[in-house]
C-alpha cells in the first residue's frame, strides 16, 4: 500500500467539499487509478475529476503516471486564455 496526499483546487474542491485528502492505494497505482477511487468516493464530482489537470510532486503528470509512496497529488481545473 501507498499513501498519497491530495490537494484540491477550484471546482473539484467545491464538488468534494474539502481542500485536502489523504488516501491509501495499492502499490503501483496510477493517476488514473486515483481518479477512479475519487469518482467512486465522490460520485457528484466524477465529471469534474475526469477533466482535471494533475501534478504529482509538483510536476504536471498524465493519467498513466505511477504514484510513489507519500506522493503529493494536486488536481487543477483546465484553464484557457485569450
N, C-alpha and C. Protein backbone atom coordinates (compact mmCIF):
# COMPACT_ATOMS: atom_id res chain seq x y z
N UNK A 1 0.84 -1.19 0.00
CA UNK A 1 0.00 0.00 0.00
C UNK A 1 0.88 1.25 0.00
N UNK A 2 0.34 2.29 -0.64
CA UNK A 2 0.99 3.59 -0.62
C UNK A 2 -0.01 4.60 -0.05
N UNK A 3 0.51 5.70 0.44
CA UNK A 3 -0.32 6.79 0.93
C UNK A 3 -0.06 8.01 0.07
N UNK A 4 -1.13 8.66 -0.37
CA UNK A 4 -0.98 9.88 -1.17
C UNK A 4 -1.76 11.01 -0.51
N UNK A 5 -1.18 12.19 -0.57
CA UNK A 5 -1.83 13.41 -0.10
C UNK A 5 -2.38 14.11 -1.34
N UNK A 6 -3.66 14.46 -1.31
CA UNK A 6 -4.32 15.03 -2.46
C UNK A 6 -4.74 16.47 -2.14
N UNK A 7 -4.30 17.39 -2.97
CA UNK A 7 -4.68 18.79 -2.83
C UNK A 7 -5.71 19.12 -3.90
N UNK A 8 -6.80 19.75 -3.50
CA UNK A 8 -7.91 20.02 -4.41
C UNK A 8 -8.08 21.52 -4.58
N UNK A 9 -8.30 21.96 -5.82
CA UNK A 9 -8.44 23.37 -6.13
C UNK A 9 -9.70 23.62 -6.95
N UNK A 10 -10.25 24.79 -6.81
CA UNK A 10 -11.33 25.32 -7.64
C UNK A 10 -12.56 24.41 -7.65
N UNK A 11 -13.02 24.02 -8.83
CA UNK A 11 -14.28 23.27 -8.95
C UNK A 11 -14.23 21.92 -8.27
N UNK A 12 -13.10 21.25 -8.30
CA UNK A 12 -13.02 19.93 -7.65
C UNK A 12 -13.11 20.09 -6.14
N UNK A 13 -12.54 21.14 -5.60
CA UNK A 13 -12.65 21.42 -4.17
C UNK A 13 -14.11 21.68 -3.81
N UNK A 14 -14.79 22.44 -4.63
CA UNK A 14 -16.21 22.75 -4.36
C UNK A 14 -17.07 21.49 -4.44
N UNK A 15 -16.81 20.61 -5.40
CA UNK A 15 -17.61 19.39 -5.56
C UNK A 15 -17.39 18.40 -4.42
N UNK A 16 -16.14 18.27 -3.98
CA UNK A 16 -15.83 17.31 -2.92
C UNK A 16 -16.05 17.93 -1.54
N UNK A 17 -15.89 19.23 -1.43
CA UNK A 17 -16.14 19.90 -0.17
C UNK A 17 -14.97 19.88 0.79
N UNK A 18 -13.79 19.57 0.27
CA UNK A 18 -12.56 19.55 1.08
C UNK A 18 -11.43 20.13 0.25
N UNK A 19 -10.43 20.69 0.94
CA UNK A 19 -9.29 21.20 0.19
C UNK A 19 -8.14 20.20 0.15
N UNK A 20 -8.23 19.15 0.96
CA UNK A 20 -7.15 18.17 1.05
C UNK A 20 -7.70 16.83 1.50
N UNK A 21 -7.13 15.76 0.95
CA UNK A 21 -7.48 14.39 1.34
C UNK A 21 -6.20 13.59 1.50
N UNK A 22 -6.29 12.50 2.21
CA UNK A 22 -5.19 11.53 2.25
C UNK A 22 -5.81 10.16 2.06
N UNK A 23 -5.29 9.41 1.08
CA UNK A 23 -5.84 8.09 0.76
C UNK A 23 -4.74 7.05 0.72
N UNK A 24 -5.10 5.83 1.03
CA UNK A 24 -4.23 4.68 0.85
C UNK A 24 -4.65 3.95 -0.41
N UNK A 25 -3.68 3.62 -1.24
CA UNK A 25 -3.93 2.95 -2.52
C UNK A 25 -3.00 1.76 -2.65
N UNK A 26 -3.35 0.80 -3.49
CA UNK A 26 -2.42 -0.31 -3.75
C UNK A 26 -1.12 0.20 -4.38
N UNK A 27 -0.03 -0.49 -4.10
CA UNK A 27 1.25 -0.15 -4.73
C UNK A 27 1.08 -0.18 -6.25
N UNK A 28 1.84 0.62 -6.96
CA UNK A 28 1.80 0.74 -8.42
C UNK A 28 0.51 1.33 -8.95
N UNK A 29 -0.21 2.08 -8.11
CA UNK A 29 -1.40 2.78 -8.59
C UNK A 29 -0.99 3.97 -9.45
N UNK A 30 -1.81 4.25 -10.44
CA UNK A 30 -1.54 5.37 -11.35
C UNK A 30 -2.47 6.54 -11.01
N UNK A 31 -2.23 7.66 -11.67
CA UNK A 31 -3.12 8.81 -11.53
C UNK A 31 -4.53 8.40 -11.93
N UNK A 32 -4.66 7.63 -13.00
CA UNK A 32 -5.97 7.16 -13.44
C UNK A 32 -6.65 6.32 -12.35
N UNK A 33 -5.90 5.46 -11.68
CA UNK A 33 -6.46 4.66 -10.58
C UNK A 33 -6.98 5.56 -9.47
N UNK A 34 -6.21 6.60 -9.16
CA UNK A 34 -6.63 7.55 -8.13
C UNK A 34 -7.91 8.27 -8.55
N UNK A 35 -8.00 8.67 -9.81
CA UNK A 35 -9.22 9.32 -10.29
C UNK A 35 -10.43 8.40 -10.14
N UNK A 36 -10.24 7.11 -10.43
CA UNK A 36 -11.34 6.16 -10.29
C UNK A 36 -11.79 6.03 -8.84
N UNK A 37 -10.84 6.01 -7.93
CA UNK A 37 -11.17 5.95 -6.49
C UNK A 37 -11.97 7.19 -6.09
N UNK A 38 -11.51 8.36 -6.52
CA UNK A 38 -12.22 9.60 -6.20
C UNK A 38 -13.63 9.60 -6.79
N UNK A 39 -13.77 9.11 -8.01
CA UNK A 39 -15.10 9.04 -8.64
C UNK A 39 -16.03 8.13 -7.85
N UNK A 40 -15.50 7.03 -7.32
CA UNK A 40 -16.31 6.11 -6.51
C UNK A 40 -16.68 6.71 -5.16
N UNK A 41 -15.73 7.40 -4.54
CA UNK A 41 -15.98 8.01 -3.23
C UNK A 41 -16.89 9.24 -3.31
N UNK A 42 -16.77 9.99 -4.41
CA UNK A 42 -17.50 11.25 -4.57
C UNK A 42 -18.18 11.27 -5.94
N UNK A 43 -19.27 10.51 -6.11
CA UNK A 43 -19.92 10.40 -7.43
C UNK A 43 -20.33 11.74 -8.03
N UNK A 44 -20.71 12.70 -7.21
CA UNK A 44 -21.10 14.01 -7.73
C UNK A 44 -19.92 14.75 -8.37
N UNK A 45 -18.72 14.37 -8.01
CA UNK A 45 -17.53 15.02 -8.55
C UNK A 45 -16.96 14.30 -9.77
N UNK A 46 -17.52 13.15 -10.14
CA UNK A 46 -16.95 12.32 -11.21
C UNK A 46 -16.70 13.08 -12.51
N UNK A 47 -17.66 13.86 -13.03
CA UNK A 47 -17.38 14.56 -14.29
C UNK A 47 -16.23 15.56 -14.16
N UNK A 48 -16.11 16.16 -13.02
CA UNK A 48 -15.05 17.14 -12.79
C UNK A 48 -13.69 16.45 -12.69
N UNK A 49 -13.64 15.31 -12.01
CA UNK A 49 -12.38 14.58 -11.81
C UNK A 49 -11.75 14.21 -13.15
N UNK A 50 -12.53 13.73 -14.09
CA UNK A 50 -12.01 13.30 -15.39
C UNK A 50 -11.30 14.41 -16.14
N UNK A 51 -11.73 15.65 -15.97
CA UNK A 51 -11.19 16.75 -16.77
C UNK A 51 -10.13 17.58 -16.06
N UNK A 52 -9.69 17.15 -14.89
CA UNK A 52 -8.71 17.92 -14.13
C UNK A 52 -7.29 17.67 -14.64
N UNK A 53 -6.49 18.71 -14.57
CA UNK A 53 -5.05 18.57 -14.76
C UNK A 53 -4.47 18.04 -13.45
N UNK A 54 -3.42 17.27 -13.54
CA UNK A 54 -2.85 16.63 -12.36
C UNK A 54 -1.36 16.91 -12.26
N UNK A 55 -0.92 17.19 -11.04
CA UNK A 55 0.52 17.23 -10.79
C UNK A 55 0.84 16.22 -9.69
N UNK A 56 1.98 15.58 -9.86
CA UNK A 56 2.49 14.64 -8.86
C UNK A 56 3.82 15.18 -8.39
N UNK A 57 3.90 15.47 -7.11
CA UNK A 57 5.10 16.07 -6.53
C UNK A 57 5.54 17.30 -7.31
N UNK A 58 4.55 18.15 -7.64
CA UNK A 58 4.73 19.45 -8.27
C UNK A 58 5.22 19.39 -9.72
N UNK A 59 4.96 18.25 -10.39
CA UNK A 59 5.28 18.09 -11.80
C UNK A 59 4.00 17.66 -12.51
N UNK A 60 3.57 18.42 -13.54
CA UNK A 60 2.36 18.03 -14.26
C UNK A 60 2.53 16.62 -14.80
N UNK A 61 1.48 15.80 -14.63
CA UNK A 61 1.57 14.37 -14.91
C UNK A 61 0.33 13.88 -15.63
N UNK A 62 0.50 12.86 -16.45
CA UNK A 62 -0.61 12.24 -17.17
C UNK A 62 -1.25 11.14 -16.36
N UNK A 63 -2.36 10.63 -16.87
CA UNK A 63 -3.10 9.57 -16.18
C UNK A 63 -2.30 8.29 -16.00
N UNK A 64 -1.30 8.07 -16.83
CA UNK A 64 -0.52 6.83 -16.76
C UNK A 64 0.59 6.90 -15.71
N UNK A 65 0.85 8.05 -15.13
CA UNK A 65 1.92 8.23 -14.15
C UNK A 65 1.67 7.35 -12.92
N UNK A 66 2.68 6.58 -12.54
CA UNK A 66 2.61 5.74 -11.34
C UNK A 66 2.93 6.62 -10.13
N UNK A 67 2.10 6.47 -9.11
CA UNK A 67 2.24 7.28 -7.90
C UNK A 67 3.23 6.66 -6.92
N UNK A 68 4.24 7.40 -6.51
CA UNK A 68 5.15 6.89 -5.48
C UNK A 68 4.50 7.03 -4.10
N UNK A 69 4.98 6.26 -3.15
CA UNK A 69 4.50 6.38 -1.78
C UNK A 69 4.78 7.79 -1.27
N UNK A 70 3.83 8.34 -0.52
CA UNK A 70 3.91 9.67 0.08
C UNK A 70 3.87 10.78 -0.97
N UNK A 71 3.33 10.49 -2.14
CA UNK A 71 3.23 11.50 -3.20
C UNK A 71 2.25 12.59 -2.80
N UNK A 72 2.51 13.79 -3.28
CA UNK A 72 1.58 14.89 -3.18
C UNK A 72 0.96 15.06 -4.57
N UNK A 73 -0.34 14.83 -4.65
CA UNK A 73 -1.06 14.91 -5.92
C UNK A 73 -1.99 16.11 -5.85
N UNK A 74 -1.93 16.97 -6.85
CA UNK A 74 -2.81 18.13 -6.89
C UNK A 74 -3.66 18.08 -8.15
N UNK A 75 -4.95 18.44 -8.00
CA UNK A 75 -5.87 18.50 -9.12
C UNK A 75 -6.25 19.95 -9.37
N UNK A 76 -6.14 20.37 -10.64
CA UNK A 76 -6.43 21.74 -11.05
C UNK A 76 -7.43 21.72 -12.20
N UNK A 77 -8.25 22.77 -12.32
CA UNK A 77 -9.13 22.86 -13.49
C UNK A 77 -8.30 23.22 -14.72
N UNK A 78 -8.76 22.76 -15.89
CA UNK A 78 -8.11 23.17 -17.12
C UNK A 78 -8.43 24.64 -17.35
N UNK A 79 -7.45 25.38 -17.84
CA UNK A 79 -7.60 26.82 -18.00
C UNK A 79 -7.39 27.17 -19.47
N UNK A 80 -8.20 28.07 -19.96
CA UNK A 80 -7.97 28.59 -21.31
C UNK A 80 -7.81 30.09 -21.20
N UNK A 81 -7.05 30.62 -22.10
CA UNK A 81 -6.80 32.05 -22.06
C UNK A 81 -7.14 32.70 -23.38
N UNK A 82 -6.99 33.97 -23.38
CA UNK A 82 -7.28 34.64 -24.64
C UNK A 82 -6.63 35.98 -24.70
